[in-house]
Protein backbone atom coordinates (compact mmCIF):
# COMPACT_ATOMS: atom_id res chain seq x y z
CA MET A 1 -18.09 12.94 -25.50
CA ALA A 2 -19.48 12.15 -21.77
CA PRO A 3 -19.14 14.54 -19.30
CA ARG A 4 -15.94 14.46 -17.31
CA ILE A 5 -16.88 12.94 -13.76
CA TRP A 6 -13.66 13.07 -11.30
CA HIS A 7 -13.71 10.43 -8.71
CA ALA A 8 -12.80 10.44 -5.16
CA HIS A 9 -12.54 7.74 -2.22
CA ALA A 10 -15.98 7.74 -0.64
CA ILE A 11 -17.72 5.87 2.18
CA THR A 12 -19.45 2.85 0.79
CA CYS A 13 -23.28 2.77 1.89
CA THR A 14 -24.77 -0.54 2.14
CA ALA A 15 -28.37 -0.22 0.92
CA LEU A 16 -30.82 -0.35 3.85
CA VAL A 17 -33.22 -2.99 4.28
CA LEU A 18 -35.97 -1.48 6.77
CA ALA A 19 -37.72 -3.46 9.40
CA VAL A 20 -41.35 -2.78 9.98
CA THR A 21 -40.78 -2.19 13.69
CA GLY A 22 -38.00 -1.81 16.15
CA THR A 23 -35.70 0.85 17.45
CA PRO A 24 -32.13 0.30 15.95
CA ALA A 25 -28.81 -0.64 17.19
CA HIS A 26 -27.62 -1.88 13.46
CA ALA A 27 -28.47 -0.76 10.32
CA GLN A 28 -30.38 -3.93 9.30
CA ASP A 29 -32.93 -3.32 12.10
CA ARG A 30 -33.29 0.42 12.04
CA ASP A 31 -36.55 2.02 11.75
CA LEU A 32 -36.37 5.06 9.71
CA GLY A 33 -39.82 6.26 10.86
CA ARG A 34 -38.48 7.05 14.35
CA GLU A 35 -35.51 8.99 13.09
CA THR A 36 -35.56 12.74 13.25
CA LEU A 37 -33.24 15.33 11.60
CA ALA A 38 -29.92 16.12 13.34
CA ALA A 39 -29.43 19.35 14.98
CA GLY A 40 -27.70 21.80 12.74
CA ASP A 41 -28.73 19.86 9.81
CA GLY A 42 -29.91 22.86 7.39
CA TRP A 43 -32.71 25.07 7.66
CA ALA A 44 -35.14 22.49 8.69
CA SER A 45 -33.22 22.10 11.91
CA GLU A 46 -34.06 25.87 12.89
CA GLY A 47 -36.07 26.34 16.21
CA THR A 48 -38.16 23.43 17.07
CA GLY A 49 -36.56 21.21 14.53
CA THR A 50 -38.07 18.56 12.35
CA THR A 51 -39.17 15.24 13.93
CA GLY A 52 -42.13 14.39 11.64
CA GLY A 53 -44.20 11.47 12.86
CA SER A 54 -41.46 9.76 15.13
CA ALA A 55 -43.59 10.05 18.17
CA ALA A 56 -46.23 8.02 16.60
CA ASP A 57 -48.07 5.61 18.84
CA ALA A 58 -48.55 2.05 17.46
CA ALA A 59 -52.21 2.96 16.35
CA HIS A 60 -50.76 5.50 14.15
CA VAL A 61 -47.99 3.45 12.29
CA TYR A 62 -49.28 2.00 8.87
CA THR A 63 -47.73 0.11 6.09
CA VAL A 64 -49.42 0.50 2.75
CA THR A 65 -49.18 -1.16 -0.68
CA THR A 66 -51.94 0.63 -2.68
CA TRP A 67 -52.55 4.32 -3.42
CA ASP A 68 -55.95 4.21 -1.58
CA GLU A 69 -54.31 2.73 1.44
CA PHE A 70 -51.90 5.46 1.37
CA ARG A 71 -54.34 8.33 1.26
CA ALA A 72 -56.61 6.61 3.77
CA ALA A 73 -53.63 6.49 6.23
CA LEU A 74 -52.57 10.14 5.42
CA LYS A 75 -56.31 11.17 6.51
CA ASP A 76 -56.54 8.81 9.60
CA GLY A 77 -55.83 10.76 12.86
CA GLU A 78 -55.54 13.95 11.42
CA ASP A 79 -52.50 15.90 12.63
CA ALA A 80 -51.66 13.25 15.25
CA PRO A 81 -47.99 11.85 14.61
CA LYS A 82 -48.12 9.18 12.22
CA ILE A 83 -45.52 7.17 10.55
CA ILE A 84 -46.72 5.61 6.90
CA LYS A 85 -44.41 2.97 5.42
CA VAL A 86 -44.62 2.50 1.63
CA LYS A 87 -43.98 -0.96 0.82
CA GLY A 88 -43.28 -1.68 -3.11
CA MET A 89 -44.15 1.07 -5.80
CA ILE A 90 -47.74 2.22 -5.52
CA ASP A 91 -49.35 3.66 -8.53
CA ALA A 92 -51.64 6.77 -8.24
CA VAL A 93 -52.71 6.28 -12.12
CA SER A 94 -52.98 2.61 -12.10
CA GLU A 95 -56.23 2.54 -14.40
CA GLY A 96 -54.41 5.00 -16.73
CA CYS A 97 -55.37 8.46 -18.40
CA ASP A 98 -58.57 7.22 -19.79
CA ALA A 99 -60.11 6.71 -16.48
CA PHE A 100 -60.11 10.61 -16.00
CA GLU A 101 -61.58 11.72 -19.22
CA ALA A 102 -64.87 13.62 -19.20
CA ASP A 103 -67.78 12.36 -21.38
CA GLY A 104 -67.28 13.88 -24.91
CA TYR A 105 -63.56 14.55 -24.50
CA ASP A 106 -61.85 13.86 -27.67
CA PHE A 107 -58.23 14.57 -27.89
CA GLN A 108 -58.22 14.56 -31.85
CA GLN A 109 -60.95 16.98 -31.86
CA TYR A 110 -59.36 19.16 -29.45
CA LEU A 111 -56.27 19.12 -31.92
CA ALA A 112 -58.65 19.87 -34.76
CA ASP A 113 -60.25 22.90 -32.92
CA TYR A 114 -57.24 24.44 -31.61
CA ASP A 115 -54.85 24.13 -34.53
CA PRO A 116 -52.94 27.35 -35.00
CA ALA A 117 -54.08 27.18 -38.70
CA VAL A 118 -57.71 27.49 -37.56
CA TRP A 119 -57.53 29.09 -33.95
CA GLY A 120 -54.39 31.36 -34.52
CA HIS A 121 -52.22 32.61 -31.74
CA ASP A 122 -53.84 35.90 -30.51
CA THR A 123 -56.34 34.42 -27.96
CA PRO A 124 -56.56 31.44 -25.46
CA VAL A 125 -58.19 28.48 -26.41
CA SER A 126 -62.01 28.15 -25.29
CA GLY A 127 -65.15 26.26 -26.29
CA GLU A 128 -66.43 22.89 -25.78
CA GLN A 129 -63.43 20.80 -26.05
CA GLU A 130 -61.36 23.05 -23.86
CA ASP A 131 -64.13 22.80 -21.25
CA LEU A 132 -63.95 19.00 -21.41
CA ARG A 133 -60.17 18.98 -21.24
CA ALA A 134 -60.63 21.09 -18.19
CA ALA A 135 -63.11 18.83 -16.54
CA SER A 136 -60.78 15.73 -17.31
CA ALA A 137 -58.19 17.63 -15.78
CA ALA A 138 -59.96 18.23 -12.63
CA GLY A 139 -60.82 14.46 -12.31
CA GLN A 140 -56.93 13.48 -12.53
CA ASP A 141 -56.33 16.40 -10.14
CA LYS A 142 -58.90 14.92 -7.44
CA ALA A 143 -57.43 11.23 -8.00
CA ILE A 144 -53.53 11.94 -7.84
CA LYS A 145 -53.03 14.73 -5.11
CA ALA A 146 -52.17 13.34 -1.40
CA ASN A 147 -52.45 15.94 1.32
CA VAL A 148 -49.83 15.34 3.97
CA PRO A 149 -50.78 16.43 7.33
CA ALA A 150 -48.54 17.84 9.95
CA ASN A 151 -46.22 15.62 12.08
CA THR A 152 -46.07 12.82 9.49
CA THR A 153 -42.99 10.89 8.37
CA ILE A 154 -43.46 8.84 5.05
CA VAL A 155 -40.83 6.39 4.44
CA GLY A 156 -40.21 3.56 1.93
CA VAL A 157 -39.42 0.06 2.96
CA GLY A 158 -36.29 -1.24 1.63
CA LYS A 159 -34.57 -0.35 -1.82
CA ASP A 160 -37.73 -0.48 -4.25
CA ALA A 161 -40.56 1.50 -2.64
CA GLY A 162 -42.18 4.54 -3.70
CA ILE A 163 -44.82 6.40 -5.60
CA LEU A 164 -45.79 6.33 -9.41
CA GLY A 165 -47.47 9.29 -10.74
CA GLY A 166 -48.81 10.78 -7.55
CA SER A 167 -48.37 14.40 -6.33
CA LEU A 168 -47.54 14.79 -2.57
CA GLN A 169 -49.07 18.02 -1.44
CA ILE A 170 -47.43 19.31 1.70
CA LYS A 171 -49.60 22.31 2.24
CA GLY A 172 -50.12 24.79 5.16
CA VAL A 173 -48.54 22.21 7.82
CA ASP A 174 -45.59 21.79 10.01
CA ASN A 175 -43.17 18.98 10.62
CA VAL A 176 -43.04 16.42 7.58
CA ILE A 177 -40.38 14.13 6.83
CA LEU A 178 -40.03 12.13 3.30
CA ARG A 179 -37.42 9.58 3.19
CA ASN A 180 -36.23 6.57 1.11
CA LEU A 181 -38.88 6.95 -1.71
CA THR A 182 -38.54 6.53 -5.23
CA ILE A 183 -40.94 9.14 -6.97
CA GLU A 184 -41.81 9.15 -10.43
CA ALA A 185 -43.04 12.35 -11.76
CA PRO A 186 -46.77 12.78 -12.30
CA VAL A 187 -47.62 12.61 -16.00
CA ASP A 188 -50.28 15.32 -16.87
CA CYS A 189 -52.88 13.37 -18.88
CA PHE A 190 -54.50 16.56 -20.11
CA PRO A 191 -52.07 19.32 -20.74
CA GLN A 192 -53.60 22.67 -22.10
CA TRP A 193 -52.58 24.23 -25.35
CA ASP A 194 -51.64 27.90 -25.05
CA PRO A 195 -51.26 29.56 -28.36
CA THR A 196 -50.37 32.86 -26.86
CA ASP A 197 -47.47 31.58 -24.99
CA ASP A 198 -43.65 31.47 -25.97
CA ASN A 199 -43.72 34.65 -28.03
CA LYS A 200 -47.09 33.66 -29.53
CA THR A 201 -45.67 30.47 -31.09
CA GLY A 202 -47.63 28.47 -28.72
CA ALA A 203 -46.95 25.91 -25.87
CA TRP A 204 -48.19 22.70 -24.06
CA ASN A 205 -48.60 23.49 -20.42
CA SER A 206 -48.81 20.88 -17.71
CA GLU A 207 -49.57 20.55 -14.01
CA TYR A 208 -48.60 18.47 -11.00
CA ASP A 209 -45.24 18.42 -9.24
CA GLY A 210 -43.90 15.30 -7.51
CA VAL A 211 -43.64 17.10 -4.21
CA VAL A 212 -45.18 20.47 -3.50
CA VAL A 213 -44.20 22.24 -0.27
CA TYR A 214 -46.63 25.09 -0.14
CA GLY A 215 -46.80 27.55 2.99
CA SER A 216 -45.42 24.71 5.27
CA THR A 217 -42.58 24.79 7.75
CA HIS A 218 -40.01 22.25 8.73
CA VAL A 219 -39.74 19.66 6.26
CA TRP A 220 -37.29 17.35 5.47
CA ILE A 221 -36.77 15.64 2.26
CA ASP A 222 -33.98 12.86 2.55
CA HIS A 223 -32.42 10.00 0.38
CA ASN A 224 -35.11 10.02 -2.25
CA THR A 225 -34.79 9.31 -6.15
CA LEU A 226 -36.89 11.63 -8.08
CA SER A 227 -37.06 11.32 -12.07
CA ASP A 228 -39.46 11.16 -14.93
CA GLY A 229 -39.08 7.43 -14.58
CA ARG A 230 -40.81 5.64 -17.41
CA TYR A 231 -42.14 8.64 -19.35
CA PRO A 232 -38.90 10.80 -19.91
CA ASP A 233 -39.37 14.12 -22.03
CA SER A 234 -37.74 12.18 -25.07
CA SER A 235 -40.47 9.92 -25.31
CA LEU A 236 -43.44 12.70 -25.46
CA PRO A 237 -44.96 13.49 -29.03
CA SER A 238 -45.08 16.82 -30.60
CA TYR A 239 -48.29 18.65 -31.80
CA PHE A 240 -48.57 21.96 -33.40
CA GLY A 241 -44.61 21.79 -33.50
CA LYS A 242 -44.12 21.95 -29.75
CA VAL A 243 -43.52 19.06 -27.39
CA TYR A 244 -46.68 17.78 -25.74
CA GLN A 245 -45.25 18.66 -22.31
CA GLN A 246 -46.86 16.42 -19.48
CA HIS A 247 -44.29 17.06 -16.61
CA ASP A 248 -43.98 20.23 -14.53
CA GLY A 249 -41.55 20.17 -11.37
CA LEU A 250 -39.95 17.31 -9.11
CA VAL A 251 -39.80 19.46 -5.92
CA ASP A 252 -41.31 23.06 -5.53
CA ILE A 253 -40.95 24.86 -2.38
CA VAL A 254 -43.32 27.95 -2.68
CA ARG A 255 -46.01 30.39 -0.92
CA GLY A 256 -44.21 31.27 2.29
CA ALA A 257 -42.80 27.74 2.81
CA ASN A 258 -39.90 27.91 5.33
CA HIS A 259 -37.39 25.89 6.98
CA VAL A 260 -36.81 23.14 4.59
CA THR A 261 -33.64 20.70 4.27
CA VAL A 262 -33.32 18.81 0.97
CA SER A 263 -30.54 16.41 1.54
CA TRP A 264 -28.89 13.19 -0.08
CA ASN A 265 -31.47 12.88 -2.97
CA SER A 266 -30.89 11.94 -6.61
CA PHE A 267 -32.63 13.89 -9.12
CA LYS A 268 -32.51 12.59 -12.46
CA ASP A 269 -33.60 13.13 -16.15
CA HIS A 270 -36.19 16.07 -15.67
CA ASP A 271 -36.58 19.74 -17.16
CA LYS A 272 -38.07 21.93 -14.61
CA THR A 273 -36.75 20.32 -11.27
CA MET A 274 -36.98 22.75 -8.29
CA LEU A 275 -38.42 26.20 -7.94
CA ILE A 276 -37.95 28.04 -4.63
CA GLY A 277 -40.53 30.75 -4.92
CA ASN A 278 -43.15 30.51 -7.77
CA SER A 279 -43.75 34.29 -8.46
CA ASP A 280 -41.98 37.67 -8.58
CA GLY A 281 -45.29 38.93 -7.04
CA ALA A 282 -45.09 36.87 -4.05
CA GLY A 283 -43.20 39.12 -1.83
CA SER A 284 -45.92 39.51 0.71
CA THR A 285 -45.91 35.82 1.55
CA ASP A 286 -42.35 35.00 0.63
CA SER A 287 -40.01 37.73 1.82
CA GLY A 288 -38.29 36.65 4.93
CA LYS A 289 -39.00 32.91 4.13
CA LEU A 290 -38.23 30.40 1.78
CA LYS A 291 -35.33 29.48 3.85
CA VAL A 292 -33.84 26.08 2.22
CA THR A 293 -30.91 23.94 2.60
CA LEU A 294 -29.77 21.63 -0.36
CA HIS A 295 -26.83 19.43 0.21
CA HIS A 296 -25.31 16.37 -1.06
CA ASN A 297 -27.71 15.92 -3.77
CA ARG A 298 -26.96 14.58 -6.97
CA PHE A 299 -28.54 16.24 -10.06
CA GLU A 300 -27.86 14.49 -13.35
CA GLY A 301 -29.64 15.22 -16.80
CA ILE A 302 -31.53 18.14 -15.26
CA VAL A 303 -32.26 20.89 -17.72
CA GLU A 304 -33.05 23.72 -15.65
CA ARG A 305 -34.15 24.73 -12.05
CA ALA A 306 -31.48 23.15 -9.54
CA PRO A 307 -32.75 25.27 -8.12
CA ARG A 308 -34.36 28.43 -9.47
CA VAL A 309 -34.74 31.07 -6.60
CA ARG A 310 -36.73 33.77 -5.46
CA PHE A 311 -36.78 35.83 -2.19
CA GLY A 312 -35.24 33.13 -0.07
CA GLN A 313 -31.87 32.59 1.88
CA VAL A 314 -31.11 29.39 -0.02
CA ASP A 315 -27.93 27.46 1.12
CA THR A 316 -26.56 24.77 -1.53
CA TYR A 317 -23.55 23.13 -0.65
CA ASN A 318 -21.76 19.56 -1.46
CA ASN A 319 -24.08 18.92 -4.50
CA HIS A 320 -23.02 17.09 -7.57
CA TYR A 321 -24.18 18.54 -10.78
CA VAL A 322 -23.80 16.28 -13.96
CA VAL A 323 -24.65 17.49 -17.49
CA THR A 324 -24.64 14.68 -19.43
CA ALA A 325 -23.39 14.72 -23.27
CA GLY A 326 -26.20 15.60 -25.69
CA GLN A 327 -28.95 16.58 -23.12
CA LYS A 328 -30.72 19.76 -23.57
CA PHE A 329 -29.25 22.13 -20.91
CA GLY A 330 -30.27 25.57 -19.76
CA TYR A 331 -28.82 26.36 -16.51
CA THR A 332 -28.11 25.02 -13.00
CA PHE A 333 -28.79 27.93 -10.58
CA GLY A 334 -31.68 30.57 -11.28
CA ILE A 335 -31.06 34.08 -10.04
CA GLY A 336 -34.60 35.46 -9.24
CA ALA A 337 -36.38 38.48 -7.60
CA SER A 338 -34.81 39.25 -4.17
CA SER A 339 -33.02 35.71 -4.05
CA GLN A 340 -30.09 35.60 -1.58
CA LEU A 341 -28.34 32.30 -2.88
CA TYR A 342 -25.30 30.84 -1.09
CA ALA A 343 -23.83 28.34 -3.44
CA THR A 344 -20.43 26.84 -2.41
CA ASP A 345 -18.58 23.77 -2.19
CA ASN A 346 -20.43 21.99 -5.02
CA ALA A 347 -19.04 19.77 -7.65
CA ILE A 348 -20.00 20.26 -11.49
CA SER A 349 -19.46 18.00 -14.05
CA LEU A 350 -19.70 19.24 -17.69
CA PRO A 351 -19.25 17.48 -20.92
CA ALA A 352 -17.04 19.21 -23.87
CA GLY A 353 -18.58 22.19 -25.41
CA VAL A 354 -20.47 23.35 -22.30
CA SER A 355 -19.13 26.15 -20.59
CA ALA A 356 -19.35 26.88 -16.85
CA ALA A 357 -20.75 30.28 -17.50
CA LYS A 358 -24.24 28.58 -18.29
CA THR A 359 -24.49 27.08 -14.60
CA LEU A 360 -25.87 30.55 -13.57
CA LYS A 361 -28.72 32.11 -15.03
CA LYS A 362 -29.76 35.77 -13.98
CA TRP A 363 -33.55 36.66 -13.94
CA SER A 364 -33.51 39.48 -11.56
CA GLU A 365 -30.95 41.86 -9.99
CA ALA A 366 -29.82 39.81 -6.78
CA PRO A 367 -26.35 39.18 -5.43
CA LEU A 368 -25.18 35.60 -4.69
CA THR A 369 -22.35 34.08 -3.12
CA ALA A 370 -20.71 31.25 -5.12
CA GLU A 371 -17.33 30.25 -4.00
CA ASN A 372 -15.06 27.08 -3.79
CA ASN A 373 -17.19 25.18 -6.46
CA TYR A 374 -15.21 22.62 -8.64
CA VAL A 375 -16.01 22.33 -12.41
CA ASN A 376 -14.41 19.14 -13.82
CA GLY A 377 -12.27 18.83 -10.92
CA LYS A 378 -10.84 22.36 -11.29
CA LEU A 379 -11.46 25.34 -8.96
CA THR A 380 -13.91 27.80 -10.70
CA ASP A 381 -15.09 31.22 -9.89
CA LEU A 382 -18.51 30.67 -11.44
CA ILE A 383 -19.76 34.51 -11.08
CA ALA A 384 -16.23 35.50 -12.91
CA VAL A 385 -16.84 32.98 -15.75
CA HIS A 386 -20.36 33.80 -16.25
CA ASN A 387 -19.95 37.65 -16.18
CA ALA A 388 -16.99 37.47 -18.74
CA GLU A 389 -18.88 35.29 -21.29
CA ILE A 390 -22.29 36.72 -20.56
CA PRO A 391 -21.80 40.32 -19.80
CA GLU A 392 -25.46 41.28 -20.62
CA GLU A 393 -26.48 39.38 -17.45
CA THR A 394 -23.50 40.53 -15.15
CA LEU A 395 -24.11 39.19 -11.58
CA GLN A 396 -23.15 40.90 -8.19
CA SER A 397 -21.25 38.81 -5.60
CA GLY A 398 -22.16 38.44 -1.93
CA ALA A 399 -25.60 37.06 -0.82
CA GLY A 400 -25.44 39.19 2.39
CA TRP A 401 -25.57 36.26 4.71
CA THR A 402 -23.65 33.32 5.93
CA PRO A 403 -25.16 29.95 6.62
CA THR A 404 -24.60 28.48 10.08
CA LEU A 405 -26.79 25.34 9.92
CA ARG A 406 -24.40 22.97 8.17
CA THR A 407 -23.27 19.59 8.82
CA LYS A 408 -19.85 18.39 8.02
CA VAL A 409 -18.78 20.26 4.68
CA ASP A 410 -16.81 17.77 2.40
CA SER A 411 -14.31 18.66 0.13
CA PRO A 412 -15.82 19.41 -3.37
CA ARG A 413 -13.19 17.20 -4.97
CA ALA A 414 -14.54 14.21 -3.04
CA VAL A 415 -18.18 15.09 -3.55
CA PRO A 416 -18.71 13.06 -6.88
CA GLY A 417 -17.53 9.96 -5.04
CA ILE A 418 -19.38 10.53 -1.80
CA VAL A 419 -22.85 11.61 -3.30
CA GLY A 420 -22.63 9.04 -6.14
CA GLN A 421 -22.36 6.39 -3.38
CA ARG A 422 -24.79 7.52 -0.85
CA ALA A 423 -27.52 9.87 -2.49
CA GLY A 424 -30.72 8.52 -3.35
CA ALA A 425 -33.52 5.91 -2.15
CA GLY A 426 -32.22 2.82 -0.63
CA LYS A 427 -28.70 4.32 0.46
CA VAL A 428 -29.36 5.65 3.69
CA CYS A 429 -26.39 5.02 6.07
């Protein structure tokens, strides 16, 4: 049976067709590159706000159609305000995984060398083929990562523009905007087999997130569509009895990142979707930071981490979470070390047989606020349901803070219609 998604009247949003230049009076000739985050729109509006490259002069406005052009535009002018318009789908791995293979690497030999029947489960893999795998992975790493400088806006042109297989690294900078992009999660060509993982049953571990916000401030991620695209987990093979996992996260916000707003995005068909804080031991960099707002996003077919939170004051409101019938489902909100999650006014659609108790997952003792959330159209106390059904993970109510940086808060009963119409690339109103 399909998840029960209730409907409400919503504002229809005509798909935006961007002009290359021009300041708008009408939607058809708007220039998204010149737009900035509105005051009061989530944590990224705190303090100086987020303007990205809106102040760029003509010499620092680029239209790119290839991965090489894109990376060259990012480097040009260093931190000078810049606007990069992505036209069409640009592919970071257009030559395929074979282009990154180190001489002598042989995947079939890798499987033979590290077969648990030969290697066992007590020690990490090592030796020639592991060294060659690591060298191959280093080649991919260098090719698919793109470092985004400060004061940059990256925007897709029209409805079908974005990045295939690249990893956007927003690292140690301030003032970045990503809008109207379709982002297909990077595929790790060379996952590592760890025989000691998963209680010594082994696991394939992958690298590369679609977007990484690492130690950066004032970042606005808006109206993008992010998914596994052409390579869903269901298409991946298994070796040694474990899925050959080639995906990591879609958006990870880590290592002292702060003042981030994630709004009106579509996250689809992915496992480990969003980490906010990536280590229980990162308190020295993360305490008092990782302040993130998520609003009006649609999460569909997501297994876990929507988000998983450590340390941060994270505000999640007016999002729609859709668990599809038959999908693997772990949890929606992960409550981690010293997290301060404030999750209210959200809509959740669950299929028959999936309890609302599973929307919360406790990793550490950390209170949260979860009020006025609707499950299949019915007001539901997520904490009470969770505690009643999973008493060994009893959660405490009360995050200890109240968000003030919110735009209009829609009725959660209207959220499925509103977000369904307007979230994702090509739907900027």
